[in-house]
Protein backbone atom coordinates (compact mmCIF):
# COMPACT_ATOMS: atom_id res chain seq x y z
CA UNK A 1 0.00 0.00 0.00
CA UNK A 2 3.06 2.27 0.08
CA UNK A 3 2.64 3.24 -3.60
CA UNK A 4 -0.73 4.86 -2.93
CA UNK A 5 -1.11 8.63 -2.65
CA UNK A 6 -3.01 10.15 0.28
CA UNK A 7 -6.09 10.55 -1.90
CA UNK A 8 -5.90 6.94 -3.08
CA UNK A 9 -5.53 5.73 0.52
CA UNK A 10 -8.58 7.80 1.50
CA UNK A 11 -10.61 6.19 -1.32
CA UNK A 12 -9.45 2.70 -0.35
CA UNK A 13 -10.26 3.14 3.34
CA UNK A 14 -13.66 4.68 2.56
CA UNK A 15 -14.64 1.85 0.18
CA UNK A 16 -13.51 -0.71 2.76
CA UNK A 17 -15.74 1.02 5.34
CA UNK A 18 -18.73 0.81 2.96
CA UNK A 19 -18.11 -2.89 2.32
CA UNK A 20 -17.72 -3.55 6.06
CA UNK A 21 -21.05 -1.80 6.72
CA UNK A 22 -19.42 0.97 8.77
CA UNK A 23 -20.80 3.72 6.53
CA UNK A 24 -23.31 4.12 3.72
CA UNK A 25 -22.62 4.85 0.08
CA UNK A 26 -24.13 8.29 0.65
CA UNK A 27 -21.68 9.01 3.47
CA UNK A 28 -18.79 7.73 1.34
CA UNK A 29 -19.96 9.93 -1.51
CA UNK A 30 -19.91 12.98 0.73
CA UNK A 31 -16.53 12.07 2.25
CA UNK A 32 -14.84 11.62 -1.13
CA UNK A 33 -16.88 14.38 -2.82
CA UNK A 34 -17.89 12.10 -5.69
CA UNK A 35 -21.23 10.71 -6.84
CA UNK A 36 -22.85 7.53 -5.53
CA UNK A 37 -22.54 6.17 -9.07
CA UNK A 38 -18.75 6.62 -8.83
CA UNK A 39 -18.78 4.92 -5.41
CA UNK A 40 -20.49 1.95 -7.07
CA UNK A 41 -17.82 1.89 -9.77
CA UNK A 42 -15.04 1.94 -7.16
CA UNK A 43 -16.69 -0.95 -5.31
CA UNK A 44 -16.88 -3.03 -8.51
CA UNK A 45 -13.22 -2.26 -9.35
CA UNK A 46 -12.14 -3.08 -5.79
CA UNK A 47 -13.99 -6.42 -5.90
CA UNK A 48 -12.38 -7.27 -9.26
CA UNK A 49 -8.81 -5.99 -8.77
CA UNK A 50 -8.33 -5.45 -5.05
CA UNK A 51 -6.29 -2.61 -3.58
CA UNK A 52 -4.25 -2.18 -6.77
CA UNK A 53 -7.25 -0.64 -8.52
CA UNK A 54 -6.71 2.55 -6.51
CA UNK A 55 -3.20 3.18 -7.86
CA UNK A 56 -3.41 5.75 -10.64
CA UNK A 57 -2.33 4.16 -13.92
CA UNK A 58 -0.09 7.11 -14.92
CA UNK A 59 2.06 7.01 -11.79
CA UNK A 60 5.22 5.85 -13.54
CA UNK A 61 4.88 7.67 -16.85
CA UNK A 62 5.70 11.16 -18.04
CA UNK A 63 3.54 13.49 -20.09
CA UNK A 64 3.95 13.66 -23.85
CA UNK A 65 5.40 17.17 -23.48
CA UNK A 66 7.96 15.93 -20.94
CA UNK A 67 8.94 13.01 -23.22
CA UNK A 68 9.50 15.37 -26.17
CA UNK A 69 11.67 17.62 -23.99
CA UNK A 70 13.77 14.63 -22.95
CA UNK A 71 14.25 13.56 -26.58
CA UNK A 72 15.32 17.02 -27.72
CA UNK A 73 17.90 17.44 -24.94
PDB file of N, CA and C in Angstrom:
ATOM      1  N   UNK A   1       0.814  -1.200   0.000  1.00  0.00           N
ATOM      2  CA  UNK A   1       0.000   0.000   0.000  1.00  0.00           C
ATOM      3  C   UNK A   1       0.852   1.256   0.000  1.00  0.00           C
ATOM      4  N   UNK A   2       2.172   1.122  -0.002  1.00  0.00           N
ATOM      5  CA  UNK A   2       3.062   2.274   0.075  1.00  0.00           C
ATOM      6  C   UNK A   2       3.077   3.090  -1.212  1.00  0.00           C
ATOM      7  N   UNK A   3       2.639   2.518  -2.345  1.00  0.00           N
ATOM      8  CA  UNK A   3       2.637   3.239  -3.599  1.00  0.00           C
ATOM      9  C   UNK A   3       1.401   4.116  -3.772  1.00  0.00           C
ATOM     10  N   UNK A   4       0.494   4.083  -2.828  1.00  0.00           N
ATOM     11  CA  UNK A   4      -0.735   4.864  -2.925  1.00  0.00           C
ATOM     12  C   UNK A   4      -0.522   6.284  -2.423  1.00  0.00           C
ATOM     13  N   UNK A   5      -1.131   7.252  -3.112  1.00  0.00           N
ATOM     14  CA  UNK A   5      -1.110   8.634  -2.648  1.00  0.00           C
ATOM     15  C   UNK A   5      -2.097   8.780  -1.484  1.00  0.00           C
ATOM     16  N   UNK A   6      -2.072   9.913  -0.831  1.00  0.00           N
ATOM     17  CA  UNK A   6      -3.006  10.146   0.285  1.00  0.00           C
ATOM     18  C   UNK A   6      -4.454  10.041  -0.185  1.00  0.00           C
ATOM     19  N   UNK A   7      -4.736  10.597  -1.365  1.00  0.00           N
ATOM     20  CA  UNK A   7      -6.094  10.551  -1.903  1.00  0.00           C
ATOM     21  C   UNK A   7      -6.518   9.116  -2.210  1.00  0.00           C
ATOM     22  N   UNK A   8      -5.600   8.329  -2.758  1.00  0.00           N
ATOM     23  CA  UNK A   8      -5.905   6.935  -3.076  1.00  0.00           C
ATOM     24  C   UNK A   8      -6.124   6.118  -1.806  1.00  0.00           C
ATOM     25  N   UNK A   9      -5.354   6.409  -0.769  1.00  0.00           N
ATOM     26  CA  UNK A   9      -5.533   5.730   0.519  1.00  0.00           C
ATOM     27  C   UNK A   9      -6.896   6.088   1.117  1.00  0.00           C
ATOM     28  N   UNK A  10      -7.280   7.354   0.989  1.00  0.00           N
ATOM     29  CA  UNK A  10      -8.582   7.795   1.499  1.00  0.00           C
ATOM     30  C   UNK A  10      -9.713   7.057   0.772  1.00  0.00           C
ATOM     31  N   UNK A  11      -9.593   6.925  -0.552  1.00  0.00           N
ATOM     32  CA  UNK A  11     -10.605   6.185  -1.317  1.00  0.00           C
ATOM     33  C   UNK A  11     -10.662   4.734  -0.870  1.00  0.00           C
ATOM     34  N   UNK A  12      -9.517   4.104  -0.752  1.00  0.00           N
ATOM     35  CA  UNK A  12      -9.445   2.701  -0.347  1.00  0.00           C
ATOM     36  C   UNK A  12     -10.100   2.491   1.011  1.00  0.00           C
ATOM     37  N   UNK A  13      -9.714   3.293   1.984  1.00  0.00           N
ATOM     38  CA  UNK A  13     -10.264   3.140   3.335  1.00  0.00           C
ATOM     39  C   UNK A  13     -11.769   3.390   3.370  1.00  0.00           C
ATOM     40  N   UNK A  14     -12.224   4.366   2.591  1.00  0.00           N
ATOM     41  CA  UNK A  14     -13.658   4.675   2.558  1.00  0.00           C
ATOM     42  C   UNK A  14     -14.443   3.531   1.927  1.00  0.00           C
ATOM     43  N   UNK A  15     -13.952   2.979   0.830  1.00  0.00           N
ATOM     44  CA  UNK A  15     -14.636   1.855   0.177  1.00  0.00           C
ATOM     45  C   UNK A  15     -14.645   0.636   1.098  1.00  0.00           C
ATOM     46  N   UNK A  16     -13.548   0.399   1.796  1.00  0.00           N
ATOM     47  CA  UNK A  16     -13.514  -0.710   2.761  1.00  0.00           C
ATOM     48  C   UNK A  16     -14.566  -0.512   3.844  1.00  0.00           C
ATOM     49  N   UNK A  17     -14.731   0.732   4.311  1.00  0.00           N
ATOM     50  CA  UNK A  17     -15.735   1.021   5.340  1.00  0.00           C
ATOM     51  C   UNK A  17     -17.146   0.753   4.822  1.00  0.00           C
ATOM     52  N   UNK A  18     -17.411   1.085   3.558  1.00  0.00           N
ATOM     53  CA  UNK A  18     -18.726   0.810   2.964  1.00  0.00           C
ATOM     54  C   UNK A  18     -18.960  -0.698   2.919  1.00  0.00           C
ATOM     55  N   UNK A  19     -17.957  -1.434   2.444  1.00  0.00           N
ATOM     56  CA  UNK A  19     -18.110  -2.885   2.315  1.00  0.00           C
ATOM     57  C   UNK A  19     -18.231  -3.582   3.673  1.00  0.00           C
ATOM     58  N   UNK A  20     -17.623  -2.990   4.708  1.00  0.00           N
ATOM     59  CA  UNK A  20     -17.722  -3.550   6.056  1.00  0.00           C
ATOM     60  C   UNK A  20     -19.003  -3.120   6.773  1.00  0.00           C
ATOM     61  N   UNK A  21     -19.797  -2.264   6.124  1.00  0.00           N
ATOM     62  CA  UNK A  21     -21.047  -1.799   6.720  1.00  0.00           C
ATOM     63  C   UNK A  21     -20.869  -0.701   7.749  1.00  0.00           C
ATOM     64  N   UNK A  22     -19.693  -0.089   7.786  1.00  0.00           N
ATOM     65  CA  UNK A  22     -19.418   0.971   8.767  1.00  0.00           C
ATOM     66  C   UNK A  22     -19.950   2.323   8.322  1.00  0.00           C
ATOM     67  N   UNK A  23     -20.197   2.480   7.018  1.00  0.00           N
ATOM     68  CA  UNK A  23     -20.805   3.721   6.530  1.00  0.00           C
ATOM     69  C   UNK A  23     -21.612   3.399   5.277  1.00  0.00           C
ATOM     70  N   UNK A  24     -22.466   4.319   4.894  1.00  0.00           N
ATOM     71  CA  UNK A  24     -23.309   4.124   3.721  1.00  0.00           C
ATOM     72  C   UNK A  24     -22.608   4.662   2.476  1.00  0.00           C
ATOM     73  N   UNK A  25     -23.158   4.311   1.327  1.00  0.00           N
ATOM     74  CA  UNK A  25     -22.622   4.848   0.078  1.00  0.00           C
ATOM     75  C   UNK A  25     -22.801   6.363   0.034  1.00  0.00           C
ATOM     76  N   UNK A  26     -23.880   6.843   0.600  1.00  0.00           N
ATOM     77  CA  UNK A  26     -24.130   8.288   0.648  1.00  0.00           C
ATOM     78  C   UNK A  26     -23.051   8.985   1.470  1.00  0.00           C
ATOM     79  N   UNK A  27     -22.727   8.425   2.631  1.00  0.00           N
ATOM     80  CA  UNK A  27     -21.679   9.010   3.471  1.00  0.00           C
ATOM     81  C   UNK A  27     -20.323   8.960   2.767  1.00  0.00           C
ATOM     82  N   UNK A  28     -20.045   7.861   2.086  1.00  0.00           N
ATOM     83  CA  UNK A  28     -18.790   7.733   1.338  1.00  0.00           C
ATOM     84  C   UNK A  28     -18.737   8.760   0.213  1.00  0.00           C
ATOM     85  N   UNK A  29     -19.864   8.951  -0.442  1.00  0.00           N
ATOM     86  CA  UNK A  29     -19.965   9.928  -1.514  1.00  0.00           C
ATOM     87  C   UNK A  29     -19.643  11.330  -1.010  1.00  0.00           C
ATOM     88  N   UNK A  30     -20.160  11.666   0.144  1.00  0.00           N
ATOM     89  CA  UNK A  30     -19.908  12.979   0.730  1.00  0.00           C
ATOM     90  C   UNK A  30     -18.457  13.111   1.204  1.00  0.00           C
ATOM     91  N   UNK A  31     -17.908  12.048   1.768  1.00  0.00           N
ATOM     92  CA  UNK A  31     -16.529  12.067   2.247  1.00  0.00           C
ATOM     93  C   UNK A  31     -15.552  12.283   1.102  1.00  0.00           C
ATOM     94  N   UNK A  32     -15.766  11.555   0.009  1.00  0.00           N
ATOM     95  CA  UNK A  32     -14.844  11.618  -1.129  1.00  0.00           C
ATOM     96  C   UNK A  32     -15.211  12.708  -2.139  1.00  0.00           C
ATOM     97  N   UNK A  33     -16.375  13.327  -1.929  1.00  0.00           N
ATOM     98  CA  UNK A  33     -16.876  14.375  -2.820  1.00  0.00           C
ATOM     99  C   UNK A  33     -17.005  13.873  -4.256  1.00  0.00           C
ATOM    100  N   UNK A  34     -17.588  12.678  -4.390  1.00  0.00           N
ATOM    101  CA  UNK A  34     -17.893  12.098  -5.695  1.00  0.00           C
ATOM    102  C   UNK A  34     -19.313  11.541  -5.636  1.00  0.00           C
ATOM    103  N   UNK A  35     -19.843  11.185  -6.788  1.00  0.00           N
ATOM    104  CA  UNK A  35     -21.231  10.708  -6.836  1.00  0.00           C
ATOM    105  C   UNK A  35     -21.348   9.274  -6.314  1.00  0.00           C
ATOM    106  N   UNK A  36     -22.573   8.899  -5.958  1.00  0.00           N
ATOM    107  CA  UNK A  36     -22.846   7.530  -5.526  1.00  0.00           C
ATOM    108  C   UNK A  36     -22.564   6.569  -6.682  1.00  0.00           C
ATOM    109  N   UNK A  37     -22.838   7.001  -7.902  1.00  0.00           N
ATOM    110  CA  UNK A  37     -22.537   6.172  -9.070  1.00  0.00           C
ATOM    111  C   UNK A  37     -21.033   5.855  -9.124  1.00  0.00           C
ATOM    112  N   UNK A  38     -20.194   6.855  -8.840  1.00  0.00           N
ATOM    113  CA  UNK A  38     -18.752   6.624  -8.834  1.00  0.00           C
ATOM    114  C   UNK A  38     -18.347   5.715  -7.664  1.00  0.00           C
ATOM    115  N   UNK A  39     -19.031   5.837  -6.538  1.00  0.00           N
ATOM    116  CA  UNK A  39     -18.782   4.924  -5.408  1.00  0.00           C
ATOM    117  C   UNK A  39     -19.055   3.491  -5.855  1.00  0.00           C
ATOM    118  N   UNK A  40     -20.159   3.292  -6.557  1.00  0.00           N
ATOM    119  CA  UNK A  40     -20.491   1.954  -7.065  1.00  0.00           C
ATOM    120  C   UNK A  40     -19.413   1.431  -8.008  1.00  0.00           C
ATOM    121  N   UNK A  41     -18.892   2.297  -8.863  1.00  0.00           N
ATOM    122  CA  UNK A  41     -17.823   1.890  -9.775  1.00  0.00           C
ATOM    123  C   UNK A  41     -16.563   1.499  -9.008  1.00  0.00           C
ATOM    124  N   UNK A  42     -16.221   2.263  -7.971  1.00  0.00           N
ATOM    125  CA  UNK A  42     -15.044   1.943  -7.164  1.00  0.00           C
ATOM    126  C   UNK A  42     -15.210   0.602  -6.446  1.00  0.00           C
ATOM    127  N   UNK A  43     -16.424   0.330  -5.981  1.00  0.00           N
ATOM    128  CA  UNK A  43     -16.691  -0.948  -5.305  1.00  0.00           C
ATOM    129  C   UNK A  43     -16.501  -2.109  -6.281  1.00  0.00           C
ATOM    130  N   UNK A  44     -17.024  -1.977  -7.498  1.00  0.00           N
ATOM    131  CA  UNK A  44     -16.877  -3.027  -8.509  1.00  0.00           C
ATOM    132  C   UNK A  44     -15.397  -3.239  -8.823  1.00  0.00           C
ATOM    133  N   UNK A  45     -14.654  -2.145  -9.049  1.00  0.00           N
ATOM    134  CA  UNK A  45     -13.219  -2.261  -9.352  1.00  0.00           C
ATOM    135  C   UNK A  45     -12.469  -2.905  -8.197  1.00  0.00           C
ATOM    136  N   UNK A  46     -12.809  -2.519  -6.965  1.00  0.00           N
ATOM    137  CA  UNK A  46     -12.139  -3.084  -5.787  1.00  0.00           C
ATOM    138  C   UNK A  46     -12.416  -4.583  -5.690  1.00  0.00           C
ATOM    139  N   UNK A  47     -13.640  -4.991  -5.948  1.00  0.00           N
ATOM    140  CA  UNK A  47     -13.985  -6.418  -5.902  1.00  0.00           C
ATOM    141  C   UNK A  47     -13.281  -7.213  -6.994  1.00  0.00           C
ATOM    142  N   UNK A  48     -13.032  -6.589  -8.137  1.00  0.00           N
ATOM    143  CA  UNK A  48     -12.377  -7.273  -9.256  1.00  0.00           C
ATOM    144  C   UNK A  48     -10.857  -7.291  -9.130  1.00  0.00           C
ATOM    145  N   UNK A  49     -10.260  -6.153  -8.719  1.00  0.00           N
ATOM    146  CA  UNK A  49      -8.805  -5.988  -8.770  1.00  0.00           C
ATOM    147  C   UNK A  49      -8.134  -5.867  -7.407  1.00  0.00           C
ATOM    148  N   UNK A  50      -8.906  -5.639  -6.365  1.00  0.00           N
ATOM    149  CA  UNK A  50      -8.326  -5.452  -5.045  1.00  0.00           C
ATOM    150  C   UNK A  50      -7.752  -4.051  -4.869  1.00  0.00           C
ATOM    151  N   UNK A  51      -6.835  -3.913  -3.924  1.00  0.00           N
ATOM    152  CA  UNK A  51      -6.286  -2.607  -3.581  1.00  0.00           C
ATOM    153  C   UNK A  51      -5.540  -1.944  -4.733  1.00  0.00           C
ATOM    154  N   UNK A  52      -5.012  -2.735  -5.650  1.00  0.00           N
ATOM    155  CA  UNK A  52      -4.249  -2.181  -6.768  1.00  0.00           C
ATOM    156  C   UNK A  52      -5.088  -1.292  -7.678  1.00  0.00           C
ATOM    157  N   UNK A  53      -6.398  -1.452  -7.647  1.00  0.00           N
ATOM    158  CA  UNK A  53      -7.246  -0.639  -8.516  1.00  0.00           C
ATOM    159  C   UNK A  53      -7.200   0.839  -8.144  1.00  0.00           C
ATOM    160  N   UNK A  54      -6.737   1.159  -6.947  1.00  0.00           N
ATOM    161  CA  UNK A  54      -6.709   2.550  -6.514  1.00  0.00           C
ATOM    162  C   UNK A  54      -5.429   3.274  -6.914  1.00  0.00           C
ATOM    163  N   UNK A  55      -4.437   2.543  -7.413  1.00  0.00           N
ATOM    164  CA  UNK A  55      -3.205   3.181  -7.858  1.00  0.00           C
ATOM    165  C   UNK A  55      -3.455   3.784  -9.236  1.00  0.00           C
ATOM    166  N   UNK A  56      -3.182   5.070  -9.370  1.00  0.00           N
ATOM    167  CA  UNK A  56      -3.406   5.749 -10.639  1.00  0.00           C
ATOM    168  C   UNK A  56      -2.500   5.139 -11.698  1.00  0.00           C
ATOM    169  N   UNK A  57      -3.057   4.883 -12.873  1.00  0.00           N
ATOM    170  CA  UNK A  57      -2.333   4.158 -13.915  1.00  0.00           C
ATOM    171  C   UNK A  57      -1.181   4.965 -14.526  1.00  0.00           C
ATOM    172  N   UNK A  58      -1.158   6.279 -14.357  1.00  0.00           N
ATOM    173  CA  UNK A  58      -0.094   7.115 -14.919  1.00  0.00           C
ATOM    174  C   UNK A  58       1.029   7.403 -13.928  1.00  0.00           C
ATOM    175  N   UNK A  59       1.070   6.721 -12.816  1.00  0.00           N
ATOM    176  CA  UNK A  59       2.064   7.013 -11.787  1.00  0.00           C
ATOM    177  C   UNK A  59       3.496   6.973 -12.284  1.00  0.00           C
ATOM    178  N   UNK A  60       3.841   6.025 -13.128  1.00  0.00           N
ATOM    179  CA  UNK A  60       5.223   5.845 -13.544  1.00  0.00           C
ATOM    180  C   UNK A  60       5.526   6.408 -14.926  1.00  0.00           C
ATOM    181  N   UNK A  61       4.629   7.162 -15.504  1.00  0.00           N
ATOM    182  CA  UNK A  61       4.878   7.670 -16.850  1.00  0.00           C
ATOM    183  C   UNK A  61       4.951   9.191 -16.844  1.00  0.00           C
ATOM    184  N   UNK A  62       5.561   9.723 -17.883  1.00  0.00           N
ATOM    185  CA  UNK A  62       5.696  11.161 -18.044  1.00  0.00           C
ATOM    186  C   UNK A  62       4.713  11.645 -19.103  1.00  0.00           C
ATOM    187  N   UNK A  63       4.426  12.927 -19.085  1.00  0.00           N
ATOM    188  CA  UNK A  63       3.542  13.489 -20.088  1.00  0.00           C
ATOM    189  C   UNK A  63       4.216  13.480 -21.454  1.00  0.00           C
ATOM    190  N   UNK A  64       3.425  13.626 -22.496  1.00  0.00           N
ATOM    191  CA  UNK A  64       3.955  13.663 -23.852  1.00  0.00           C
ATOM    192  C   UNK A  64       4.909  14.844 -24.003  1.00  0.00           C
ATOM    193  N   UNK A  65       4.547  15.977 -23.419  1.00  0.00           N
ATOM    194  CA  UNK A  65       5.403  17.167 -23.483  1.00  0.00           C
ATOM    195  C   UNK A  65       6.748  16.887 -22.818  1.00  0.00           C
ATOM    196  N   UNK A  66       6.734  16.251 -21.661  1.00  0.00           N
ATOM    197  CA  UNK A  66       7.961  15.929 -20.944  1.00  0.00           C
ATOM    198  C   UNK A  66       8.826  14.978 -21.761  1.00  0.00           C
ATOM    199  N   UNK A  67       8.205  13.971 -22.384  1.00  0.00           N
ATOM    200  CA  UNK A  67       8.936  13.012 -23.217  1.00  0.00           C
ATOM    201  C   UNK A  67       9.605  13.717 -24.391  1.00  0.00           C
ATOM    202  N   UNK A  68       8.906  14.668 -25.036  1.00  0.00           N
ATOM    203  CA  UNK A  68       9.503  15.373 -26.168  1.00  0.00           C
ATOM    204  C   UNK A  68      10.661  16.257 -25.716  1.00  0.00           C
ATOM    205  N   UNK A  69      10.570  16.826 -24.529  1.00  0.00           N
ATOM    206  CA  UNK A  69      11.673  17.620 -23.994  1.00  0.00           C
ATOM    207  C   UNK A  69      12.885  16.759 -23.719  1.00  0.00           C
ATOM    208  N   UNK A  70      12.666  15.542 -23.222  1.00  0.00           N
ATOM    209  CA  UNK A  70      13.772  14.633 -22.953  1.00  0.00           C
ATOM    210  C   UNK A  70      14.467  14.215 -24.243  1.00  0.00           C
ATOM    211  N   UNK A  71      13.676  13.984 -25.296  1.00  0.00           N
ATOM    212  CA  UNK A  71      14.251  13.558 -26.582  1.00  0.00           C
ATOM    213  C   UNK A  71      15.057  14.663 -27.247  1.00  0.00           C
ATOM    214  N   UNK A  72      14.629  15.919 -27.062  1.00  0.00           N
ATOM    215  CA  UNK A  72      15.317  17.022 -27.716  1.00  0.00           C
ATOM    216  C   UNK A  72      16.563  17.475 -26.961  1.00  0.00           C
ATOM    217  N   UNK A  73      16.731  17.014 -25.747  1.00  0.00           N
ATOM    218  CA  UNK A  73      17.898  17.443 -24.944  1.00  0.00           C
ATOM    219  C   UNK A  73      19.161  16.701 -25.281  1.00  0.00           C
TER     220      UNK A  73
END
